[in-house]
C-alpha atoms as a PDB file:
ATOM      1  CA  UNK A   1    -115.611  52.334 -99.476  1.00  0.00           C
ATOM      2  CA  UNK A   2    -113.534  52.704-102.630  1.00  0.00           C
ATOM      3  CA  UNK A   3    -114.790  54.806-105.589  1.00  0.00           C
ATOM      4  CA  UNK A   4    -114.994  54.446-109.381  1.00  0.00           C
ATOM      5  CA  UNK A   5    -115.864  56.973-112.617  1.00  0.00           C
ATOM      6  CA  UNK A   6    -117.909  55.414-115.551  1.00  0.00           C
ATOM      7  CA  UNK A   7    -115.947  54.993-118.550  1.00  0.00           C
ATOM      8  CA  UNK A   8    -118.457  53.417-120.794  1.00  0.00           C
ATOM      9  CA  UNK A   9    -120.938  50.402-121.872  1.00  0.00           C
ATOM     10  CA  UNK A  10    -118.859  47.610-124.051  1.00  0.00           C
ATOM     11  CA  UNK A  11    -120.840  44.374-125.881  1.00  0.00           C
ATOM     12  CA  UNK A  12    -123.755  43.437-124.300  1.00  0.00           C
ATOM     13  CA  UNK A  13    -123.181  42.881-120.858  1.00  0.00           C
ATOM     14  CA  UNK A  14    -120.095  44.869-119.834  1.00  0.00           C
ATOM     15  CA  UNK A  15    -119.322  48.275-118.594  1.00  0.00           C
ATOM     16  CA  UNK A  16    -115.755  49.349-118.022  1.00  0.00           C
ATOM     17  CA  UNK A  17    -114.914  51.634-114.777  1.00  0.00           C
ATOM     18  CA  UNK A  18    -112.174  53.268-113.427  1.00  0.00           C
ATOM     19  CA  UNK A  19    -111.642  52.311-109.566  1.00  0.00           C
ATOM     20  CA  UNK A  20    -109.363  53.959-107.358  1.00  0.00           C
ATOM     21  CA  UNK A  21    -108.954  52.250-103.626  1.00  0.00           C
ATOM     22  CA  UNK A  22    -109.680  56.000-102.154  1.00  0.00           C
ATOM     23  CA  UNK A  23    -110.199  59.642-102.305  1.00  0.00           C
ATOM     24  CA  UNK A  24    -105.682  59.566-101.414  1.00  0.00           C
ATOM     25  CA  UNK A  25    -104.412  57.887-104.501  1.00  0.00           C
ATOM     26  CA  UNK A  26    -104.301  59.796-107.979  1.00  0.00           C
ATOM     27  CA  UNK A  27    -104.188  56.862-109.893  1.00  0.00           C
ATOM     28  CA  UNK A  28    -106.582  54.667-111.344  1.00  0.00           C
ATOM     29  CA  UNK A  29    -107.416  50.806-112.802  1.00  0.00           C
ATOM     30  CA  UNK A  30    -109.276  50.726-115.466  1.00  0.00           C
ATOM     31  CA  UNK A  31    -111.241  47.024-114.420  1.00  0.00           C
ATOM     32  CA  UNK A  32    -114.228  45.758-116.226  1.00  0.00           C
ATOM     33  CA  UNK A  33    -117.525  44.977-114.592  1.00  0.00           C
ATOM     34  CA  UNK A  34    -121.813  42.840-115.346  1.00  0.00           C
ATOM     35  CA  UNK A  35    -123.594  45.602-116.854  1.00  0.00           C
ATOM     36  CA  UNK A  36    -125.779  45.035-113.978  1.00  0.00           C
ATOM     37  CA  UNK A  37    -123.539  46.416-111.429  1.00  0.00           C
ATOM     38  CA  UNK A  38    -123.464  50.030-112.471  1.00  0.00           C
ATOM     39  CA  UNK A  39    -126.547  52.054-111.888  1.00  0.00           C
ATOM     40  CA  UNK A  40    -128.930  52.640-114.307  1.00  0.00           C
ATOM     41  CA  UNK A  41    -128.934  55.922-113.970  1.00  0.00           C
ATOM     42  CA  UNK A  42    -125.226  57.593-114.434  1.00  0.00           C
ATOM     43  CA  UNK A  43    -123.150  58.798-117.563  1.00  0.00           C
ATOM     44  CA  UNK A  44    -120.056  58.981-118.582  1.00  0.00           C
ATOM     45  CA  UNK A  45    -117.622  60.460-116.426  1.00  0.00           C
ATOM     46  CA  UNK A  46    -120.348  60.582-112.819  1.00  0.00           C
ATOM     47  CA  UNK A  47    -118.234  58.536-109.917  1.00  0.00           C
ATOM     48  CA  UNK A  48    -119.967  56.616-107.273  1.00  0.00           C
ATOM     49  CA  UNK A  49    -119.210  54.322-105.207  1.00  0.00           C
ATOM     50  CA  UNK A  50    -118.033  50.973-105.461  1.00  0.00           C
ATOM     51  CA  UNK A  51    -117.805  48.100-101.442  1.00  0.00           C
ATOM     52  CA  UNK A  52    -114.561  47.600-100.154  1.00  0.00           C
ATOM     53  CA  UNK A  53    -113.005  43.804-100.208  1.00  0.00           C
ATOM     54  CA  UNK A  54    -112.480  43.371-104.433  1.00  0.00           C
ATOM     55  CA  UNK A  55    -109.255  42.259-105.420  1.00  0.00           C
ATOM     56  CA  UNK A  56    -108.418  43.648-109.031  1.00  0.00           C
ATOM     57  CA  UNK A  57    -107.768  40.633-111.066  1.00  0.00           C
ATOM     58  CA  UNK A  58    -106.756  39.491-115.196  1.00  0.00           C
ATOM     59  CA  UNK A  59    -110.112  39.387-116.690  1.00  0.00           C
ATOM     60  CA  UNK A  60    -110.378  35.865-117.712  1.00  0.00           C
ATOM     61  CA  UNK A  61    -112.566  33.953-120.856  1.00  0.00           C
ATOM     62  CA  UNK A  62    -114.879  32.323-119.339  1.00  0.00           C
ATOM     63  CA  UNK A  63    -115.917  30.434-123.118  1.00  0.00           C
ATOM     64  CA  UNK A  64    -111.626  29.240-123.502  1.00  0.00           C
ATOM     65  CA  UNK A  65    -109.883  30.094-120.000  1.00  0.00           C
ATOM     66  CA  UNK A  66    -107.602  32.482-121.480  1.00  0.00           C
ATOM     67  CA  UNK A  67    -106.285  36.210-120.797  1.00  0.00           C
ATOM     68  CA  UNK A  68    -108.290  39.103-122.572  1.00  0.00           C
ATOM     69  CA  UNK A  69    -106.080  41.391-123.309  1.00  0.00           C
ATOM     70  CA  UNK A  70    -106.833  44.678-126.101  1.00  0.00           C
ATOM     71  CA  UNK A  71    -105.095  44.753-129.647  1.00  0.00           C
ATOM     72  CA  UNK A  72    -102.069  45.948-128.318  1.00  0.00           C
ATOM     73  CA  UNK A  73    -101.502  43.326-126.427  1.00  0.00           C
ATOM     74  CA  UNK A  74    -101.930  44.370-122.989  1.00  0.00           C
ATOM     75  CA  UNK A  75    -104.705  42.213-120.028  1.00  0.00           C
ATOM     76  CA  UNK A  76    -108.101  43.449-119.872  1.00  0.00           C
ATOM     77  CA  UNK A  77    -108.243  43.619-115.999  1.00  0.00           C
ATOM     78  CA  UNK A  78    -112.220  43.303-114.021  1.00  0.00           C
ATOM     79  CA  UNK A  79    -112.896  42.658-109.987  1.00  0.00           C
ATOM     80  CA  UNK A  80    -113.358  39.911-107.355  1.00  0.00           C
ATOM     81  CA  UNK A  81    -114.717  39.837-104.705  1.00  0.00           C
END
């Protein structure tokens, strides 16, 4: 199983997590997930397992069809199963 570290809630519907494919890698990728997918008792910095089989893809705004970016222009990402 992959591991994730809860970073923070973002807006009304999203949460930011840091995803690692497994315990043998150092780097984590920041991705947005639905707020409802986050365990209710979790605190910022807590780790939890997520199901394998995901891809990390650009975060496309469902209303506009455009890729969401940071203020600096870097692409945001989300998980896709």
